[in-house]
Amino acid sequence: MFIVSNEQFEAMISEAMDELPQKYIAGLQNIVITFGDLPTQEQRRRQNLQAWQTLFGLYEGIPRTQRGNNYNLVLPDKITIFKIPLEQASNNDNDLKENIKRTLWHEIAHYYGLGHDRIHELEDKSKKD
């Protein structure tokens, strides 16, 4: 477990955003990226998590692929990155940075309408490249 201050964690999120392919970041519209310590009970319930399960991040909103012509005047979508689970999964500064980056990419992929199967397929492909 590797612990950082909230300020350091927020800076790591910003760094991860800068390192992700800008063609995906530039396409983000009406979305806020934030962080919290842990998923709320409501977030856990909506994700059908068991007591032993947790989340590193969560996308809440309407994926771009599901937005129709009437998509306007809506609250921003939200990506939340969860600090404590990521710290618990990390052994050092580099681990934490990579885990944050991977989590951000995963949640942004949901924003673009990708499901878990496709996300994992792309992650596996990038590991082979």
N, C-alpha and C. Protein backbone atom coordinates (compact mmCIF):
# COMPACT_ATOMS: atom_id res chain seq x y z
N MET A 1 0.84 -1.18 0.00
CA MET A 1 0.00 0.00 0.00
C MET A 1 0.89 1.25 0.00
N PHE A 2 0.55 2.17 -0.86
CA PHE A 2 1.33 3.40 -1.02
C PHE A 2 0.37 4.57 -0.84
N ILE A 3 0.60 5.42 0.13
CA ILE A 3 -0.32 6.51 0.46
C ILE A 3 0.27 7.85 0.03
N VAL A 4 -0.58 8.69 -0.55
CA VAL A 4 -0.20 10.04 -0.94
C VAL A 4 -1.25 11.03 -0.43
N SER A 5 -0.90 12.29 -0.40
CA SER A 5 -1.86 13.32 -0.01
C SER A 5 -2.90 13.50 -1.12
N ASN A 6 -3.99 14.15 -0.79
CA ASN A 6 -5.01 14.44 -1.80
C ASN A 6 -4.44 15.31 -2.92
N GLU A 7 -3.57 16.25 -2.55
CA GLU A 7 -2.97 17.12 -3.54
C GLU A 7 -2.08 16.32 -4.50
N GLN A 8 -1.30 15.38 -3.97
CA GLN A 8 -0.46 14.54 -4.82
C GLN A 8 -1.32 13.66 -5.72
N PHE A 9 -2.40 13.12 -5.16
CA PHE A 9 -3.29 12.25 -5.93
C PHE A 9 -3.93 13.03 -7.08
N GLU A 10 -4.39 14.23 -6.79
CA GLU A 10 -4.99 15.07 -7.82
C GLU A 10 -3.97 15.40 -8.91
N ALA A 11 -2.73 15.67 -8.51
CA ALA A 11 -1.67 15.95 -9.49
C ALA A 11 -1.40 14.71 -10.35
N MET A 12 -1.46 13.53 -9.77
CA MET A 12 -1.25 12.30 -10.52
C MET A 12 -2.37 12.08 -11.54
N ILE A 13 -3.59 12.45 -11.18
CA ILE A 13 -4.70 12.35 -12.12
C ILE A 13 -4.46 13.29 -13.30
N SER A 14 -4.02 14.51 -13.01
CA SER A 14 -3.72 15.48 -14.08
C SER A 14 -2.60 14.97 -14.99
N GLU A 15 -1.56 14.40 -14.39
CA GLU A 15 -0.46 13.85 -15.18
C GLU A 15 -0.94 12.71 -16.06
N ALA A 16 -1.79 11.85 -15.51
CA ALA A 16 -2.32 10.72 -16.28
C ALA A 16 -3.14 11.23 -17.46
N MET A 17 -3.95 12.27 -17.24
CA MET A 17 -4.73 12.85 -18.34
C MET A 17 -3.82 13.36 -19.44
N ASP A 18 -2.71 13.97 -19.06
CA ASP A 18 -1.76 14.49 -20.04
C ASP A 18 -1.08 13.38 -20.83
N GLU A 19 -0.95 12.19 -20.23
CA GLU A 19 -0.26 11.08 -20.88
C GLU A 19 -1.18 10.23 -21.75
N LEU A 20 -2.48 10.36 -21.58
CA LEU A 20 -3.40 9.59 -22.41
C LEU A 20 -3.45 10.18 -23.81
N PRO A 21 -3.80 9.36 -24.82
CA PRO A 21 -3.86 9.89 -26.19
C PRO A 21 -4.81 11.08 -26.27
N GLN A 22 -4.29 12.20 -26.72
CA GLN A 22 -5.07 13.44 -26.73
C GLN A 22 -6.28 13.39 -27.66
N LYS A 23 -6.27 12.49 -28.64
CA LYS A 23 -7.44 12.40 -29.51
C LYS A 23 -8.67 11.95 -28.73
N TYR A 24 -8.46 11.19 -27.65
CA TYR A 24 -9.59 10.77 -26.81
C TYR A 24 -9.95 11.84 -25.80
N ILE A 25 -8.96 12.51 -25.27
CA ILE A 25 -9.19 13.55 -24.28
C ILE A 25 -9.89 14.75 -24.93
N ALA A 26 -9.47 15.11 -26.14
CA ALA A 26 -10.05 16.26 -26.83
C ALA A 26 -11.53 16.05 -27.13
N GLY A 27 -11.95 14.81 -27.25
CA GLY A 27 -13.35 14.51 -27.55
C GLY A 27 -14.27 14.49 -26.35
N LEU A 28 -13.73 14.64 -25.16
CA LEU A 28 -14.55 14.64 -23.96
C LEU A 28 -15.39 15.91 -23.90
N GLN A 29 -16.69 15.74 -23.76
CA GLN A 29 -17.60 16.88 -23.68
C GLN A 29 -18.60 16.65 -22.56
N ASN A 30 -18.87 17.70 -21.81
CA ASN A 30 -19.86 17.67 -20.74
C ASN A 30 -19.57 16.56 -19.74
N ILE A 31 -18.34 16.55 -19.25
CA ILE A 31 -17.92 15.53 -18.29
C ILE A 31 -17.01 16.17 -17.25
N VAL A 32 -17.14 15.71 -16.02
CA VAL A 32 -16.28 16.16 -14.94
C VAL A 32 -15.50 14.94 -14.44
N ILE A 33 -14.23 15.15 -14.15
CA ILE A 33 -13.39 14.09 -13.59
C ILE A 33 -13.00 14.52 -12.19
N THR A 34 -13.31 13.68 -11.23
CA THR A 34 -13.07 13.99 -9.83
C THR A 34 -12.52 12.76 -9.12
N PHE A 35 -12.27 12.90 -7.82
CA PHE A 35 -11.85 11.73 -7.06
C PHE A 35 -12.50 11.74 -5.69
N GLY A 36 -12.58 10.56 -5.12
CA GLY A 36 -13.10 10.38 -3.78
C GLY A 36 -12.30 9.30 -3.09
N ASP A 37 -12.48 9.17 -1.80
CA ASP A 37 -11.75 8.13 -1.07
C ASP A 37 -12.24 6.74 -1.43
N LEU A 38 -13.55 6.52 -1.34
CA LEU A 38 -14.15 5.20 -1.58
C LEU A 38 -15.49 5.38 -2.31
N PRO A 39 -15.96 4.34 -2.99
CA PRO A 39 -17.31 4.41 -3.58
C PRO A 39 -18.34 4.57 -2.45
N THR A 40 -19.39 5.33 -2.74
CA THR A 40 -20.47 5.47 -1.77
C THR A 40 -21.29 4.18 -1.73
N GLN A 41 -22.12 4.06 -0.73
CA GLN A 41 -23.00 2.88 -0.65
C GLN A 41 -23.93 2.83 -1.86
N GLU A 42 -24.40 3.98 -2.31
CA GLU A 42 -25.27 4.02 -3.49
C GLU A 42 -24.52 3.57 -4.75
N GLN A 43 -23.29 4.03 -4.93
CA GLN A 43 -22.49 3.60 -6.07
C GLN A 43 -22.23 2.10 -6.00
N ARG A 44 -21.93 1.60 -4.82
CA ARG A 44 -21.70 0.16 -4.65
C ARG A 44 -22.96 -0.63 -5.00
N ARG A 45 -24.11 -0.14 -4.54
CA ARG A 45 -25.38 -0.82 -4.79
C ARG A 45 -25.69 -0.85 -6.29
N ARG A 46 -25.52 0.30 -6.97
CA ARG A 46 -25.80 0.37 -8.41
C ARG A 46 -24.89 -0.53 -9.23
N GLN A 47 -23.67 -0.80 -8.72
CA GLN A 47 -22.73 -1.66 -9.43
C GLN A 47 -22.84 -3.13 -8.99
N ASN A 48 -23.78 -3.40 -8.08
CA ASN A 48 -23.99 -4.77 -7.56
C ASN A 48 -22.72 -5.36 -6.97
N LEU A 49 -21.97 -4.55 -6.22
CA LEU A 49 -20.73 -5.03 -5.63
C LEU A 49 -20.99 -5.87 -4.39
N GLN A 50 -20.23 -6.93 -4.26
CA GLN A 50 -20.23 -7.72 -3.04
C GLN A 50 -19.40 -7.00 -1.99
N ALA A 51 -19.51 -7.41 -0.73
CA ALA A 51 -18.80 -6.74 0.36
C ALA A 51 -17.29 -6.73 0.14
N TRP A 52 -16.75 -7.77 -0.49
CA TRP A 52 -15.30 -7.89 -0.68
C TRP A 52 -14.81 -7.18 -1.94
N GLN A 53 -15.73 -6.67 -2.76
CA GLN A 53 -15.35 -6.02 -4.00
C GLN A 53 -15.25 -4.50 -3.82
N THR A 54 -14.46 -3.88 -4.66
CA THR A 54 -14.37 -2.43 -4.66
C THR A 54 -14.22 -1.94 -6.09
N LEU A 55 -14.10 -0.64 -6.24
CA LEU A 55 -13.91 -0.02 -7.54
C LEU A 55 -12.68 0.87 -7.50
N PHE A 56 -11.96 0.93 -8.61
CA PHE A 56 -10.88 1.90 -8.76
C PHE A 56 -11.43 3.20 -9.35
N GLY A 57 -12.44 3.07 -10.19
CA GLY A 57 -13.05 4.24 -10.82
C GLY A 57 -14.45 3.91 -11.26
N LEU A 58 -15.21 4.96 -11.56
CA LEU A 58 -16.60 4.77 -11.97
C LEU A 58 -17.01 5.86 -12.95
N TYR A 59 -17.58 5.45 -14.08
CA TYR A 59 -18.19 6.37 -15.03
C TYR A 59 -19.68 6.39 -14.77
N GLU A 60 -20.23 7.58 -14.58
CA GLU A 60 -21.67 7.74 -14.40
C GLU A 60 -22.16 8.74 -15.43
N GLY A 61 -23.01 8.28 -16.32
CA GLY A 61 -23.52 9.18 -17.34
C GLY A 61 -24.12 8.41 -18.51
N ILE A 62 -24.28 9.12 -19.60
CA ILE A 62 -24.81 8.55 -20.83
C ILE A 62 -23.68 8.47 -21.83
N PRO A 63 -23.25 7.25 -22.20
CA PRO A 63 -22.15 7.13 -23.17
C PRO A 63 -22.47 7.86 -24.47
N ARG A 64 -21.44 8.36 -25.11
CA ARG A 64 -21.63 9.13 -26.36
C ARG A 64 -22.38 8.34 -27.41
N THR A 65 -22.18 7.03 -27.44
CA THR A 65 -22.85 6.20 -28.45
C THR A 65 -24.35 6.09 -28.21
N GLN A 66 -24.82 6.48 -27.04
CA GLN A 66 -26.25 6.39 -26.71
C GLN A 66 -26.94 7.75 -26.69
N ARG A 67 -26.22 8.80 -27.01
CA ARG A 67 -26.79 10.15 -27.00
C ARG A 67 -27.50 10.42 -28.31
N GLY A 68 -28.71 10.89 -28.21
CA GLY A 68 -29.47 11.21 -29.41
C GLY A 68 -29.49 12.70 -29.67
N ASN A 69 -30.32 13.10 -30.60
CA ASN A 69 -30.45 14.51 -30.96
C ASN A 69 -30.99 15.35 -29.81
N ASN A 70 -31.69 14.74 -28.90
CA ASN A 70 -32.28 15.47 -27.78
C ASN A 70 -31.33 15.59 -26.59
N TYR A 71 -30.08 15.20 -26.77
CA TYR A 71 -29.11 15.29 -25.67
C TYR A 71 -28.64 16.73 -25.55
N ASN A 72 -29.26 17.47 -24.66
CA ASN A 72 -28.84 18.83 -24.36
C ASN A 72 -29.42 19.24 -23.02
N LEU A 73 -28.86 20.26 -22.43
CA LEU A 73 -29.30 20.76 -21.14
C LEU A 73 -29.31 19.68 -20.06
N VAL A 74 -28.27 18.85 -20.07
CA VAL A 74 -28.16 17.78 -19.06
C VAL A 74 -26.95 18.06 -18.19
N LEU A 75 -27.00 17.55 -16.97
CA LEU A 75 -25.85 17.66 -16.08
C LEU A 75 -24.67 16.92 -16.67
N PRO A 76 -23.45 17.31 -16.34
CA PRO A 76 -22.27 16.61 -16.88
C PRO A 76 -22.20 15.16 -16.43
N ASP A 77 -21.67 14.32 -17.31
CA ASP A 77 -21.30 12.97 -16.90
C ASP A 77 -20.18 13.10 -15.88
N LYS A 78 -19.91 12.01 -15.18
CA LYS A 78 -18.93 12.09 -14.10
C LYS A 78 -18.06 10.84 -14.09
N ILE A 79 -16.75 11.05 -14.00
CA ILE A 79 -15.81 9.97 -13.74
C ILE A 79 -15.22 10.23 -12.36
N THR A 80 -15.35 9.25 -11.50
CA THR A 80 -14.76 9.35 -10.16
C THR A 80 -13.65 8.33 -10.05
N ILE A 81 -12.49 8.79 -9.61
CA ILE A 81 -11.34 7.92 -9.37
C ILE A 81 -11.25 7.74 -7.85
N PHE A 82 -11.17 6.49 -7.39
CA PHE A 82 -11.21 6.20 -5.95
C PHE A 82 -9.81 5.99 -5.39
N LYS A 83 -9.44 6.89 -4.51
CA LYS A 83 -8.07 7.00 -4.00
C LYS A 83 -7.64 5.79 -3.16
N ILE A 84 -8.43 5.43 -2.16
CA ILE A 84 -8.00 4.38 -1.22
C ILE A 84 -7.81 3.03 -1.91
N PRO A 85 -8.76 2.56 -2.73
CA PRO A 85 -8.52 1.28 -3.42
C PRO A 85 -7.28 1.30 -4.31
N LEU A 86 -7.03 2.44 -4.97
CA LEU A 86 -5.85 2.54 -5.82
C LEU A 86 -4.57 2.54 -4.99
N GLU A 87 -4.59 3.22 -3.86
CA GLU A 87 -3.43 3.19 -2.97
C GLU A 87 -3.18 1.77 -2.46
N GLN A 88 -4.25 1.08 -2.10
CA GLN A 88 -4.11 -0.29 -1.58
C GLN A 88 -3.55 -1.25 -2.63
N ALA A 89 -3.79 -0.96 -3.89
CA ALA A 89 -3.31 -1.83 -4.97
C ALA A 89 -1.92 -1.45 -5.45
N SER A 90 -1.33 -0.42 -4.86
CA SER A 90 -0.06 0.11 -5.35
C SER A 90 1.04 -0.04 -4.30
N ASN A 91 2.25 -0.35 -4.79
CA ASN A 91 3.40 -0.52 -3.90
C ASN A 91 4.32 0.68 -3.86
N ASN A 92 4.21 1.54 -4.87
CA ASN A 92 5.10 2.70 -4.93
C ASN A 92 4.48 3.76 -5.84
N ASP A 93 5.20 4.85 -5.97
CA ASP A 93 4.76 5.99 -6.77
C ASP A 93 4.43 5.59 -8.21
N ASN A 94 5.31 4.82 -8.83
CA ASN A 94 5.08 4.42 -10.23
C ASN A 94 3.87 3.52 -10.36
N ASP A 95 3.69 2.59 -9.43
CA ASP A 95 2.50 1.73 -9.44
C ASP A 95 1.23 2.56 -9.40
N LEU A 96 1.21 3.50 -8.46
CA LEU A 96 0.01 4.32 -8.28
C LEU A 96 -0.27 5.14 -9.53
N LYS A 97 0.75 5.73 -10.10
CA LYS A 97 0.56 6.52 -11.33
C LYS A 97 0.01 5.66 -12.46
N GLU A 98 0.56 4.46 -12.63
CA GLU A 98 0.09 3.57 -13.69
C GLU A 98 -1.33 3.09 -13.43
N ASN A 99 -1.65 2.79 -12.17
CA ASN A 99 -3.00 2.36 -11.82
C ASN A 99 -4.02 3.47 -12.07
N ILE A 100 -3.65 4.70 -11.75
CA ILE A 100 -4.53 5.84 -12.02
C ILE A 100 -4.74 6.00 -13.52
N LYS A 101 -3.66 5.94 -14.27
CA LYS A 101 -3.74 6.10 -15.73
C LYS A 101 -4.61 5.01 -16.36
N ARG A 102 -4.40 3.77 -15.93
CA ARG A 102 -5.19 2.65 -16.45
C ARG A 102 -6.67 2.82 -16.10
N THR A 103 -6.94 3.26 -14.88
CA THR A 103 -8.32 3.46 -14.44
C THR A 103 -8.99 4.58 -15.22
N LEU A 104 -8.28 5.68 -15.41
CA LEU A 104 -8.82 6.79 -16.20
C LEU A 104 -9.15 6.34 -17.61
N TRP A 105 -8.21 5.63 -18.24
CA TRP A 105 -8.45 5.15 -19.59
C TRP A 105 -9.69 4.26 -19.63
N HIS A 106 -9.81 3.38 -18.65
CA HIS A 106 -10.94 2.45 -18.58
C HIS A 106 -12.26 3.23 -18.49
N GLU A 107 -12.32 4.22 -17.62
CA GLU A 107 -13.56 4.98 -17.44
C GLU A 107 -13.86 5.86 -18.64
N ILE A 108 -12.84 6.43 -19.25
CA ILE A 108 -13.04 7.22 -20.47
C ILE A 108 -13.55 6.32 -21.59
N ALA A 109 -13.08 5.09 -21.64
CA ALA A 109 -13.57 4.13 -22.64
C ALA A 109 -15.07 3.90 -22.46
N HIS A 110 -15.55 3.84 -21.21
CA HIS A 110 -16.99 3.72 -20.96
C HIS A 110 -17.73 4.94 -21.50
N TYR A 111 -17.16 6.11 -21.32
CA TYR A 111 -17.75 7.35 -21.84
C TYR A 111 -17.95 7.22 -23.36
N TYR A 112 -16.99 6.60 -24.04
CA TYR A 112 -17.10 6.42 -25.49
C TYR A 112 -17.95 5.20 -25.88
N GLY A 113 -18.55 4.56 -24.89
CA GLY A 113 -19.49 3.48 -25.17
C GLY A 113 -18.92 2.08 -25.18
N LEU A 114 -17.66 1.91 -24.81
CA LEU A 114 -17.07 0.58 -24.79
C LEU A 114 -17.50 -0.18 -23.54
N GLY A 115 -17.79 -1.46 -23.72
CA GLY A 115 -18.12 -2.34 -22.60
C GLY A 115 -16.86 -3.00 -22.06
N HIS A 116 -17.00 -3.70 -20.95
CA HIS A 116 -15.84 -4.31 -20.30
C HIS A 116 -15.11 -5.31 -21.20
N ASP A 117 -15.86 -6.10 -21.95
CA ASP A 117 -15.20 -7.09 -22.82
C ASP A 117 -14.28 -6.40 -23.83
N ARG A 118 -14.78 -5.36 -24.47
CA ARG A 118 -13.97 -4.64 -25.47
C ARG A 118 -12.79 -3.93 -24.81
N ILE A 119 -13.01 -3.35 -23.64
CA ILE A 119 -11.93 -2.67 -22.92
C ILE A 119 -10.82 -3.65 -22.60
N HIS A 120 -11.18 -4.81 -22.06
CA HIS A 120 -10.17 -5.81 -21.71
C HIS A 120 -9.46 -6.34 -22.96
N GLU A 121 -10.19 -6.48 -24.05
CA GLU A 121 -9.58 -6.90 -25.31
C GLU A 121 -8.53 -5.89 -25.77
N LEU A 122 -8.85 -4.61 -25.68
CA LEU A 122 -7.91 -3.56 -26.08
C LEU A 122 -6.72 -3.50 -25.12
N GLU A 123 -6.97 -3.70 -23.84
CA GLU A 123 -5.87 -3.70 -22.85
C GLU A 123 -4.92 -4.86 -23.13
N ASP A 124 -5.48 -6.03 -23.41
CA ASP A 124 -4.63 -7.19 -23.72
C ASP A 124 -3.81 -6.94 -24.98
N LYS A 125 -4.44 -6.33 -25.99
CA LYS A 125 -3.73 -6.05 -27.24
C LYS A 125 -2.59 -5.06 -27.00
N SER A 126 -2.81 -4.04 -26.17
CA SER A 126 -1.76 -3.05 -25.93
C SER A 126 -0.60 -3.65 -25.13
N LYS A 127 -0.85 -4.65 -24.31
CA LYS A 127 0.21 -5.31 -23.57
C LYS A 127 1.12 -6.12 -24.51
N LYS A 128 0.53 -6.63 -25.60
CA LYS A 128 1.30 -7.43 -26.55
C LYS A 128 2.12 -6.55 -27.49
N ASP A 129 1.67 -5.32 -27.70
CA ASP A 129 2.36 -4.41 -28.63
C ASP A 129 3.66 -3.88 -28.06
